[in-house]
Amino acid sequence: MAILAIESSCDETSAAVVKGSKVLSNIISSQYFHSKYGGVVPELASRAHLESISGIVTEALEKASLHMKEIEAIAVTSEPGLIGSLIVGSNFAKGISLKYGLPIIPVNHIEGHIYSGGLQDSSVTFPHISLVVSGGHTSIFLVSSYSKYKVIGSTRDDAAGEAFDKIAKILGFPYPGGPEIDKISKKGDPNSYDFPRSMINSQNFDFSFSGLKTSVRYYLEKNFPDGVPDDLIADVAASVQQAIVDVLVSKTVKAAKEYLPDSNRNVIVIAGGVSANSELRRKMSSEAAKFNIRTVAPELEYSMDNAAMIAFIAEKRAFYNTDYDYFDLTFKVNSSHLRAKRK
């Protein structure tokens, strides 16, 4: 099945073509202009999606060397995300569905990340653990099939990416700050400052990062009232990064050890924008390997918001769920976060 997918949940406009689980194209247009506002402006984001989506879809088809008449289904992100951005992508996809008489498959954005490990590595089997970590989400999932998963841990306040960005702002880095911290941390000593690892020893798999942000702010205000000296800022950034990474790795590896049977204890998938963090990838891989657990981290273009992951899970859902009416255009977009039941 050749699937054309559209992703527009936040500030990336993306279109991809996937056929037989193989990515033929994955075009991503990022809205870098939000940096001057210190964060994504919803109204501007939806307007930018509206201006670029047609061209992005055309480019995806051209790169895949396919015509619309060769596309067999449409997939589109329906939730969660910025409501205006979601509406642009959803309505465009519905228009294509009507024009060409194609089935349309609405996909949850977070589910796209959950299953993106299989997009990267076809040897990823079930069950496995997925850590989805981004600016808006930080959750650990036990993934049992292409239609069954459950949340076993989630943030109680800030997401990890949100903590990165907020602390980066305190340090004077531009938005988005997470990549800036990752970059400068390579020059710093992560053991210079002992910032808190909230809930790292708790008996559950939940996270909390708001306390770290507060601790960093108070420490800097007390010790560097005139701003962090240039020769120390890399050490501060590295120490902040290490505090966040330590908690993410500890909780995720612990979840894999508890929830995966010994015979299948082999895969942790890390996905979402923060999974691009080089220290997170390095430490997750090294710590998991101690327990014979393999780590799969999608390539950077599949870690950020992208349509290829939406097409991938749509293809699997269409194959395994033949009873669903994929010609129903009445589905609505939803801005709320993923609400998966704990079991």
Protein backbone atom coordinates (compact mmCIF):
# COMPACT_ATOMS: atom_id res chain seq x y z
CA MET A 1 0.00 0.00 0.00
CA ALA A 2 1.34 3.44 -0.99
CA ILE A 3 0.35 5.95 1.69
CA LEU A 4 0.66 9.73 1.54
CA ALA A 5 0.84 11.16 5.05
CA ILE A 6 0.56 14.70 6.40
CA GLU A 7 1.84 15.91 9.79
CA SER A 8 1.11 19.43 11.05
CA SER A 9 0.61 19.11 14.80
CA CYS A 10 2.90 21.97 15.83
CA ASP A 11 5.47 23.99 13.88
CA GLU A 12 6.69 21.47 11.29
CA THR A 13 4.82 20.98 8.04
CA SER A 14 5.63 17.52 6.80
CA ALA A 15 4.47 15.15 4.06
CA ALA A 16 5.78 11.66 3.34
CA VAL A 17 5.15 8.70 1.10
CA VAL A 18 5.61 5.21 2.52
CA LYS A 19 5.08 1.98 0.61
CA GLY A 20 5.55 -1.46 2.08
CA SER A 21 7.00 0.11 5.25
CA LYS A 22 9.71 1.73 3.12
CA VAL A 23 10.07 5.51 3.19
CA LEU A 24 10.05 6.88 -0.35
CA SER A 25 10.05 10.50 0.78
CA ASN A 26 9.86 12.50 3.99
CA ILE A 27 9.73 16.27 3.49
CA ILE A 28 9.87 18.51 6.57
CA SER A 29 9.53 22.28 6.61
CA SER A 30 10.36 23.84 9.99
CA GLN A 31 9.06 27.24 11.08
CA TYR A 32 12.26 28.78 12.41
CA PHE A 33 10.74 32.25 12.70
CA HIS A 34 9.20 31.30 16.08
CA SER A 35 12.64 31.64 17.70
CA LYS A 36 12.33 35.42 17.89
CA TYR A 37 9.18 35.02 20.01
CA GLY A 38 10.78 32.56 22.45
CA GLY A 39 8.25 29.83 21.60
CA VAL A 40 5.69 28.68 19.06
CA VAL A 41 2.93 31.22 18.34
CA PRO A 42 -0.16 29.11 17.46
CA GLU A 43 -1.79 31.62 15.09
CA LEU A 44 1.41 32.14 13.14
CA ALA A 45 2.07 28.40 13.03
CA SER A 46 -1.31 27.58 11.47
CA ARG A 47 -0.91 30.38 8.93
CA ALA A 48 2.52 29.07 7.92
CA HIS A 49 1.10 25.55 7.53
CA LEU A 50 -1.61 26.91 5.26
CA GLU A 51 0.94 28.67 3.08
CA SER A 52 3.31 25.72 2.69
CA ILE A 53 1.29 22.51 2.87
CA SER A 54 0.40 22.24 -0.81
CA GLY A 55 4.01 22.65 -1.91
CA ILE A 56 5.28 20.20 0.70
CA VAL A 57 2.82 17.51 -0.44
CA THR A 58 3.78 18.08 -4.07
CA GLU A 59 7.47 17.80 -3.17
CA ALA A 60 6.87 14.55 -1.28
CA LEU A 61 5.13 13.00 -4.28
CA GLU A 62 7.84 14.17 -6.66
CA LYS A 63 10.64 12.79 -4.51
CA ALA A 64 8.80 9.47 -4.24
CA SER A 65 8.37 9.48 -8.05
CA LEU A 66 4.65 8.80 -7.65
CA HIS A 67 1.51 10.48 -8.94
CA MET A 68 -1.59 10.93 -6.80
CA LYS A 69 -3.32 8.25 -8.90
CA GLU A 70 -0.78 5.77 -7.52
CA ILE A 71 -1.50 6.65 -3.89
CA GLU A 72 -3.81 4.14 -2.20
CA ALA A 73 -4.56 5.89 1.11
CA ILE A 74 -4.12 9.15 3.00
CA ALA A 75 -2.91 9.40 6.60
CA VAL A 76 -3.01 12.53 8.72
CA THR A 77 -2.23 13.57 12.27
CA SER A 78 -5.50 14.21 14.11
CA GLU A 79 -4.24 14.68 17.70
CA PRO A 80 -2.72 15.99 19.90
CA GLY A 81 -1.28 19.36 18.96
CA LEU A 82 -2.12 22.98 18.25
CA ILE A 83 -5.74 23.03 17.14
CA GLY A 84 -5.25 25.46 14.27
CA SER A 85 -2.26 23.56 12.92
CA LEU A 86 -4.10 20.26 13.13
CA ILE A 87 -7.10 21.71 11.29
CA VAL A 88 -4.93 22.82 8.36
CA GLY A 89 -3.43 19.36 7.89
CA SER A 90 -6.67 17.51 8.51
CA ASN A 91 -8.74 19.60 6.11
CA PHE A 92 -6.10 19.35 3.38
CA ALA A 93 -6.02 15.57 3.78
CA LYS A 94 -9.82 15.35 3.70
CA GLY A 95 -9.83 17.39 0.51
CA ILE A 96 -7.44 14.96 -1.16
CA SER A 97 -9.51 12.03 0.09
CA LEU A 98 -12.67 13.50 -1.47
CA LYS A 99 -11.01 14.47 -4.74
CA TYR A 100 -9.40 11.10 -5.38
CA GLY A 101 -11.82 8.81 -3.52
CA LEU A 102 -9.11 7.57 -1.17
CA PRO A 103 -9.48 6.16 2.34
CA ILE A 104 -8.17 8.43 5.08
CA ILE A 105 -6.52 7.20 8.27
CA PRO A 106 -6.40 9.59 11.26
CA VAL A 107 -3.33 9.00 13.43
CA ASN A 108 -2.41 10.07 16.95
CA HIS A 109 0.86 12.00 16.82
CA ILE A 110 2.22 10.34 19.96
CA GLU A 111 1.47 6.91 18.53
CA GLY A 112 3.58 7.88 15.55
CA HIS A 113 6.52 8.40 17.91
CA ILE A 114 5.74 5.26 19.92
CA TYR A 115 6.09 3.05 16.84
CA SER A 116 8.86 4.98 15.08
CA GLY A 117 11.41 2.44 16.22
CA GLY A 118 9.97 -0.01 13.72
CA LEU A 119 10.31 2.60 11.01
CA GLN A 120 14.01 2.84 11.82
CA ASP A 121 14.70 -0.85 12.50
CA SER A 122 12.45 -3.62 11.15
CA SER A 123 13.83 -6.06 13.73
CA VAL A 124 12.01 -4.26 16.56
CA THR A 125 9.47 -6.76 17.87
CA PHE A 126 6.81 -6.87 20.59
CA PRO A 127 6.77 -6.37 23.46
CA HIS A 128 9.18 -3.48 23.82
CA ILE A 129 9.53 -0.28 25.80
CA SER A 130 9.14 3.12 24.14
CA LEU A 131 10.24 6.36 25.77
CA VAL A 132 8.55 9.29 24.04
CA VAL A 133 10.29 12.45 25.14
CA SER A 134 9.75 15.88 23.63
CA GLY A 135 8.84 19.46 24.44
CA GLY A 136 5.28 18.50 25.29
CA HIS A 137 5.48 14.85 26.32
CA THR A 138 7.55 12.56 28.50
CA SER A 139 6.09 9.08 28.90
CA ILE A 140 7.18 5.46 29.02
CA PHE A 141 5.02 2.94 27.14
CA LEU A 142 4.87 -0.84 27.19
CA VAL A 143 4.14 -1.63 23.55
CA SER A 144 2.51 -5.01 22.92
CA SER A 145 1.35 -4.76 19.29
CA TYR A 146 0.51 -2.22 16.59
CA SER A 147 -2.83 -1.65 18.31
CA LYS A 148 -2.06 -2.23 21.98
CA TYR A 149 0.13 -0.29 24.37
CA LYS A 150 -0.17 1.24 27.81
CA VAL A 151 1.39 4.11 29.73
CA ILE A 152 3.52 2.88 32.62
CA GLY A 153 5.06 6.23 33.51
CA SER A 154 4.60 9.89 32.63
CA THR A 155 5.66 13.36 33.74
CA ARG A 156 3.65 14.91 36.52
CA ASP A 157 4.49 18.46 35.46
CA ASP A 158 6.97 19.71 32.85
CA ALA A 159 8.06 17.52 29.97
CA ALA A 160 11.81 16.96 29.64
CA GLY A 161 12.00 19.08 26.50
CA GLU A 162 10.10 21.85 28.23
CA ALA A 163 12.62 21.77 31.08
CA PHE A 164 15.49 21.96 28.59
CA ASP A 165 13.94 24.97 26.86
CA LYS A 166 13.03 26.84 30.05
CA ILE A 167 16.47 26.37 31.58
CA ALA A 168 18.09 27.31 28.27
CA LYS A 169 16.14 30.57 28.39
CA ILE A 170 17.45 31.25 31.90
CA LEU A 171 20.96 30.70 30.54
CA GLY A 172 20.31 33.12 27.70
CA PHE A 173 20.14 30.60 24.86
CA PRO A 174 17.71 31.14 21.96
CA TYR A 175 14.59 29.03 21.41
CA PRO A 176 14.51 26.09 21.01
CA GLY A 177 17.06 25.75 23.76
CA GLY A 178 17.40 21.96 24.02
CA PRO A 179 19.72 21.62 21.01
CA GLU A 180 21.77 24.59 22.26
CA ILE A 181 22.31 22.91 25.63
CA ASP A 182 23.29 19.66 23.91
CA LYS A 183 25.80 21.51 21.74
CA ILE A 184 27.53 23.54 24.44
CA SER A 185 27.46 20.66 26.95
CA LYS A 186 30.09 18.86 24.88
CA LYS A 187 32.56 21.49 26.13
CA GLY A 188 31.51 21.27 29.78
CA ASP A 189 31.94 19.04 32.83
CA PRO A 190 28.62 17.37 33.77
CA ASN A 191 29.82 16.85 37.34
CA SER A 192 30.48 20.53 38.05
CA TYR A 193 27.08 21.19 39.64
CA ASP A 194 24.85 18.75 41.49
CA PHE A 195 21.34 19.60 40.35
CA PRO A 196 18.42 17.46 41.61
CA ARG A 197 17.30 14.21 39.95
CA SER A 198 13.65 14.38 40.97
CA MET A 199 11.87 11.05 41.56
CA ILE A 200 14.86 9.04 40.32
CA ASN A 201 14.49 6.65 43.28
CA SER A 202 10.69 6.55 43.42
CA GLN A 203 8.95 3.19 43.18
CA ASN A 204 7.07 4.18 40.03
CA PHE A 205 8.07 5.23 36.52
CA ASP A 206 6.81 8.81 36.65
CA PHE A 207 8.89 11.93 36.10
CA SER A 208 9.02 15.47 37.46
CA PHE A 209 11.17 18.23 35.98
CA SER A 210 9.65 21.45 37.29
CA GLY A 211 11.74 21.27 40.47
CA LEU A 212 14.94 21.09 38.43
CA LYS A 213 14.04 24.29 36.61
CA THR A 214 13.34 26.06 39.91
CA SER A 215 16.53 24.74 41.50
CA VAL A 216 18.67 25.94 38.59
CA ARG A 217 17.06 29.39 38.61
CA TYR A 218 17.53 29.89 42.36
CA TYR A 219 21.12 28.60 42.25
CA LEU A 220 22.08 30.93 39.42
CA GLU A 221 20.35 33.95 41.00
CA LYS A 222 22.21 33.34 44.27
CA ASN A 223 25.65 32.54 42.89
CA PHE A 224 25.71 34.47 39.62
CA PRO A 225 23.46 37.52 40.09
CA ASP A 226 25.13 39.26 37.16
CA GLY A 227 24.85 36.25 34.87
CA VAL A 228 26.83 33.04 34.44
CA PRO A 229 30.42 33.79 33.36
CA ASP A 230 31.25 32.65 29.84
CA ASP A 231 33.90 30.22 31.10
CA LEU A 232 31.37 28.43 33.34
CA ILE A 233 28.23 28.30 31.21
CA ALA A 234 29.23 25.06 29.47
CA ASP A 235 29.66 23.38 32.87
CA VAL A 236 26.23 24.56 34.00
CA ALA A 237 24.61 23.37 30.75
CA ALA A 238 26.34 19.98 30.95
CA SER A 239 25.26 19.54 34.58
CA VAL A 240 21.65 20.39 33.73
CA GLN A 241 21.67 17.99 30.79
CA GLN A 242 23.14 15.21 32.91
CA ALA A 243 20.46 15.65 35.58
CA ILE A 244 17.68 15.25 33.00
CA VAL A 245 19.34 12.38 31.15
CA ASP A 246 20.09 10.45 34.35
CA VAL A 247 16.42 10.38 35.30
CA LEU A 248 15.20 9.47 31.81
CA VAL A 249 17.68 6.62 31.49
CA SER A 250 17.24 5.26 35.01
CA LYS A 251 13.44 5.10 34.78
CA THR A 252 13.38 3.65 31.27
CA VAL A 253 15.92 0.90 31.91
CA LYS A 254 14.17 0.05 35.16
CA ALA A 255 10.87 -0.25 33.26
CA ALA A 256 12.43 -2.55 30.67
CA LYS A 257 13.86 -4.80 33.39
CA GLU A 258 10.49 -5.05 35.12
CA TYR A 259 8.04 -5.30 32.23
CA LEU A 260 9.83 -7.30 29.57
CA PRO A 261 10.23 -11.06 30.04
CA ASP A 262 13.82 -12.27 30.00
CA SER A 263 13.44 -13.91 26.59
CA ASN A 264 12.29 -10.65 25.01
CA ARG A 265 14.19 -8.15 27.11
CA ASN A 266 15.97 -6.72 24.13
CA VAL A 267 14.65 -3.37 22.93
CA ILE A 268 14.14 0.14 24.26
CA VAL A 269 12.98 2.69 21.68
CA ILE A 270 13.58 6.37 22.40
CA ALA A 271 11.63 8.79 20.24
CA GLY A 272 10.45 12.39 20.09
CA GLY A 273 12.46 15.57 19.69
CA VAL A 274 14.55 15.14 22.86
CA SER A 275 15.64 11.69 21.67
CA ALA A 276 17.98 13.59 19.33
CA ASN A 277 20.01 14.60 22.41
CA SER A 278 23.45 13.03 22.00
CA GLU A 279 24.03 12.36 25.70
CA LEU A 280 20.63 10.69 26.08
CA ARG A 281 21.41 8.38 23.17
CA ARG A 282 24.87 7.58 24.47
CA LYS A 283 23.89 6.89 28.07
CA MET A 284 20.69 4.99 27.25
CA SER A 285 22.66 2.70 24.98
CA SER A 286 25.47 2.09 27.47
CA GLU A 287 23.22 1.56 30.51
CA ALA A 288 20.75 -0.68 28.69
CA ALA A 289 23.57 -2.80 27.29
CA LYS A 290 24.54 -3.78 30.84
CA PHE A 291 21.31 -5.78 30.95
CA ASN A 292 21.50 -7.09 27.37
CA ILE A 293 18.90 -4.57 26.25
CA ARG A 294 19.31 -3.01 22.83
CA THR A 295 18.49 0.66 22.27
CA VAL A 296 16.89 1.87 19.04
CA ALA A 297 16.91 5.61 18.39
CA PRO A 298 15.42 6.75 15.07
CA GLU A 299 17.49 8.90 12.76
CA LEU A 300 17.16 12.60 13.49
CA GLU A 301 14.61 13.22 10.73
CA TYR A 302 12.39 10.54 12.29
CA SER A 303 12.92 11.85 15.83
CA MET A 304 11.46 15.27 15.14
CA ASP A 305 7.84 15.71 14.07
CA ASN A 306 7.58 14.04 10.67
CA ALA A 307 5.01 12.48 8.37
CA ALA A 308 6.94 9.24 7.72
CA MET A 309 6.12 7.94 11.19
CA ILE A 310 2.46 8.85 10.63
CA ALA A 311 2.40 6.89 7.36
CA PHE A 312 4.18 3.93 8.95
CA ILE A 313 1.70 3.35 11.76
CA ALA A 314 -1.24 4.13 9.43
CA GLU A 315 -0.06 1.36 7.11
CA LYS A 316 0.08 -1.11 10.02
CA ARG A 317 -3.32 -0.05 11.35
CA ALA A 318 -4.96 -0.37 7.93
CA PHE A 319 -3.54 -3.87 7.55
CA TYR A 320 -4.56 -5.13 10.98
CA ASN A 321 -7.84 -3.22 11.43
CA THR A 322 -9.89 -3.95 8.34
CA ASP A 323 -13.23 -3.29 10.06
CA TYR A 324 -12.64 0.46 10.50
CA ASP A 325 -14.45 2.83 8.13
CA TYR A 326 -11.55 4.69 6.55
CA PHE A 327 -13.90 6.69 4.34
CA ASP A 328 -15.43 8.48 7.34
CA LEU A 329 -14.53 12.15 7.02
CA THR A 330 -16.40 13.24 10.15
CA PHE A 331 -13.46 12.72 12.51
CA LYS A 332 -12.36 15.85 14.37
CA VAL A 333 -8.96 17.02 15.46
CA ASN A 334 -8.17 17.20 19.16
CA SER A 335 -5.62 19.41 20.87
CA SER A 336 -5.49 17.47 24.13
CA HIS A 337 -2.64 15.18 25.10
CA LEU A 338 -2.69 11.43 24.69
CA ARG A 339 -4.80 9.86 27.42
CA ALA A 340 -3.90 6.20 27.56
CA LYS A 341 -5.22 4.09 30.42
CA ARG A 342 -2.83 2.74 32.98
CA LYS A 343 -3.29 -0.98 33.61
